[in-house]
């Protein structure tokens, strides 16, 4: 399981989506597309990968799909996710 999760998070757009979703809110594809400068088809593919890894869940709302972090993540998966998010934030600070 850790390999699938880390593999899903290794792609910058997917990591960016997880960073956005880490606020605990639900976000529609349109919000993710705008913030990550991605097309709808590209964003949907990335979100499908995150969903298959068990990191996110989705909900259909009219023509949009809304995503949020999977509330049923196991503690060990949350630990991996937290470590990746902390490392990504530190990397962004050092690049600035």
C-alpha atoms as a PDB file:
ATOM      1  CA  UNK A   1       0.000   0.000   0.000  1.00  0.00           C
ATOM      2  CA  UNK A   2       2.726   2.587   0.757  1.00  0.00           C
ATOM      3  CA  UNK A   3       4.148   2.179  -2.746  1.00  0.00           C
ATOM      4  CA  UNK A   4       0.767   2.892  -4.396  1.00  0.00           C
ATOM      5  CA  UNK A   5       0.251   5.936  -2.185  1.00  0.00           C
ATOM      6  CA  UNK A   6       3.735   7.346  -2.734  1.00  0.00           C
ATOM      7  CA  UNK A   7       3.485   6.638  -6.447  1.00  0.00           C
ATOM      8  CA  UNK A   8       0.181   8.533  -6.610  1.00  0.00           C
ATOM      9  CA  UNK A   9       1.712  11.467  -4.722  1.00  0.00           C
ATOM     10  CA  UNK A  10       4.919  11.555  -6.789  1.00  0.00           C
ATOM     11  CA  UNK A  11       3.289  13.466  -9.667  1.00  0.00           C
ATOM     12  CA  UNK A  12       3.270  17.263  -9.036  1.00  0.00           C
ATOM     13  CA  UNK A  13      -0.339  17.878 -10.110  1.00  0.00           C
ATOM     14  CA  UNK A  14      -1.630  15.076  -7.891  1.00  0.00           C
ATOM     15  CA  UNK A  15       0.461  16.305  -4.973  1.00  0.00           C
ATOM     16  CA  UNK A  16      -0.910  19.801  -5.559  1.00  0.00           C
ATOM     17  CA  UNK A  17      -4.462  18.449  -5.497  1.00  0.00           C
ATOM     18  CA  UNK A  18      -3.794  16.692  -2.200  1.00  0.00           C
ATOM     19  CA  UNK A  19      -2.306  19.896  -0.778  1.00  0.00           C
ATOM     20  CA  UNK A  20      -5.521  21.726  -1.712  1.00  0.00           C
ATOM     21  CA  UNK A  21      -7.746  18.975  -0.323  1.00  0.00           C
ATOM     22  CA  UNK A  22      -5.742  18.893   2.920  1.00  0.00           C
ATOM     23  CA  UNK A  23      -7.795  21.881   4.091  1.00  0.00           C
ATOM     24  CA  UNK A  24     -10.528  19.356   4.889  1.00  0.00           C
ATOM     25  CA  UNK A  25     -13.011  20.904   2.500  1.00  0.00           C
ATOM     26  CA  UNK A  26     -14.668  19.517  -0.592  1.00  0.00           C
ATOM     27  CA  UNK A  27     -13.426  20.983  -3.893  1.00  0.00           C
ATOM     28  CA  UNK A  28     -14.927  20.681  -7.347  1.00  0.00           C
ATOM     29  CA  UNK A  29     -12.829  19.775 -10.348  1.00  0.00           C
ATOM     30  CA  UNK A  30     -13.187  23.350 -11.629  1.00  0.00           C
ATOM     31  CA  UNK A  31     -11.455  24.703  -8.494  1.00  0.00           C
ATOM     32  CA  UNK A  32      -8.646  22.180  -8.762  1.00  0.00           C
ATOM     33  CA  UNK A  33      -8.241  22.926 -12.489  1.00  0.00           C
ATOM     34  CA  UNK A  34      -7.970  26.667 -11.879  1.00  0.00           C
ATOM     35  CA  UNK A  35      -5.518  26.423  -8.982  1.00  0.00           C
ATOM     36  CA  UNK A  36      -3.313  23.819 -10.654  1.00  0.00           C
ATOM     37  CA  UNK A  37      -3.556  25.175 -14.218  1.00  0.00           C
ATOM     38  CA  UNK A  38      -4.778  21.836 -15.595  1.00  0.00           C
ATOM     39  CA  UNK A  39      -7.315  20.904 -18.225  1.00  0.00           C
ATOM     40  CA  UNK A  40     -10.493  19.103 -17.209  1.00  0.00           C
ATOM     41  CA  UNK A  41      -9.454  15.802 -18.765  1.00  0.00           C
ATOM     42  CA  UNK A  42      -5.969  15.934 -17.207  1.00  0.00           C
ATOM     43  CA  UNK A  43      -7.358  16.839 -13.780  1.00  0.00           C
ATOM     44  CA  UNK A  44      -9.938  14.066 -13.949  1.00  0.00           C
ATOM     45  CA  UNK A  45      -7.256  11.497 -14.813  1.00  0.00           C
ATOM     46  CA  UNK A  46      -5.114  12.623 -11.892  1.00  0.00           C
ATOM     47  CA  UNK A  47      -8.056  12.535  -9.509  1.00  0.00           C
ATOM     48  CA  UNK A  48      -8.933   9.035 -10.683  1.00  0.00           C
ATOM     49  CA  UNK A  49      -5.397   7.927  -9.784  1.00  0.00           C
ATOM     50  CA  UNK A  50      -5.760   9.448  -6.310  1.00  0.00           C
ATOM     51  CA  UNK A  51      -9.134   7.783  -5.930  1.00  0.00           C
ATOM     52  CA  UNK A  52      -7.750   4.390  -6.971  1.00  0.00           C
ATOM     53  CA  UNK A  53      -4.991   4.814  -4.368  1.00  0.00           C
ATOM     54  CA  UNK A  54      -7.740   5.359  -1.779  1.00  0.00           C
ATOM     55  CA  UNK A  55      -6.629   8.896  -0.934  1.00  0.00           C
ATOM     56  CA  UNK A  56      -9.750  10.752  -2.097  1.00  0.00           C
ATOM     57  CA  UNK A  57     -13.474  10.185  -2.418  1.00  0.00           C
ATOM     58  CA  UNK A  58     -15.793  11.906  -4.858  1.00  0.00           C
ATOM     59  CA  UNK A  59     -19.386  13.076  -5.054  1.00  0.00           C
ATOM     60  CA  UNK A  60     -21.297  14.064  -8.159  1.00  0.00           C
ATOM     61  CA  UNK A  61     -22.991  17.477  -8.019  1.00  0.00           C
ATOM     62  CA  UNK A  62     -24.880  18.186 -11.260  1.00  0.00           C
ATOM     63  CA  UNK A  63     -22.187  18.376 -13.961  1.00  0.00           C
ATOM     64  CA  UNK A  64     -19.309  18.679 -11.476  1.00  0.00           C
ATOM     65  CA  UNK A  65     -17.491  16.111  -9.428  1.00  0.00           C
ATOM     66  CA  UNK A  66     -16.430  17.200  -5.964  1.00  0.00           C
ATOM     67  CA  UNK A  67     -13.470  15.640  -4.194  1.00  0.00           C
ATOM     68  CA  UNK A  68     -12.259  15.486  -0.615  1.00  0.00           C
ATOM     69  CA  UNK A  69      -9.681  13.497   1.274  1.00  0.00           C
ATOM     70  CA  UNK A  70     -10.941  10.048   2.139  1.00  0.00           C
ATOM     71  CA  UNK A  71     -12.242  10.344   5.718  1.00  0.00           C
ATOM     72  CA  UNK A  72     -11.623   6.607   6.260  1.00  0.00           C
ATOM     73  CA  UNK A  73      -7.850   6.740   5.744  1.00  0.00           C
ATOM     74  CA  UNK A  74      -5.987   4.343   8.009  1.00  0.00           C
ATOM     75  CA  UNK A  75      -3.684   5.922  10.617  1.00  0.00           C
ATOM     76  CA  UNK A  76      -0.561   4.657   8.816  1.00  0.00           C
ATOM     77  CA  UNK A  77      -1.770   6.198   5.532  1.00  0.00           C
ATOM     78  CA  UNK A  78      -2.478   9.480   7.328  1.00  0.00           C
ATOM     79  CA  UNK A  79       1.069   9.375   8.717  1.00  0.00           C
ATOM     80  CA  UNK A  80       2.487   8.956   5.194  1.00  0.00           C
ATOM     81  CA  UNK A  81       0.255  11.724   3.870  1.00  0.00           C
ATOM     82  CA  UNK A  82       1.209  14.086   6.697  1.00  0.00           C
ATOM     83  CA  UNK A  83       4.928  13.421   6.133  1.00  0.00           C
ATOM     84  CA  UNK A  84       4.608  14.061   2.388  1.00  0.00           C
ATOM     85  CA  UNK A  85       2.639  17.287   2.952  1.00  0.00           C
ATOM     86  CA  UNK A  86       5.186  18.548   5.509  1.00  0.00           C
ATOM     87  CA  UNK A  87       8.062  17.749   3.134  1.00  0.00           C
ATOM     88  CA  UNK A  88       6.288  19.437   0.201  1.00  0.00           C
ATOM     89  CA  UNK A  89       5.633  22.572   2.257  1.00  0.00           C
ATOM     90  CA  UNK A  90       9.279  22.700   3.377  1.00  0.00           C
ATOM     91  CA  UNK A  91      10.398  22.253  -0.231  1.00  0.00           C
ATOM     92  CA  UNK A  92       8.158  25.139  -1.353  1.00  0.00           C
ATOM     93  CA  UNK A  93       9.527  27.385   1.408  1.00  0.00           C
ATOM     94  CA  UNK A  94      13.106  26.646   0.467  1.00  0.00           C
ATOM     95  CA  UNK A  95      12.391  27.278  -3.222  1.00  0.00           C
ATOM     96  CA  UNK A  96      10.855  30.684  -2.476  1.00  0.00           C
END
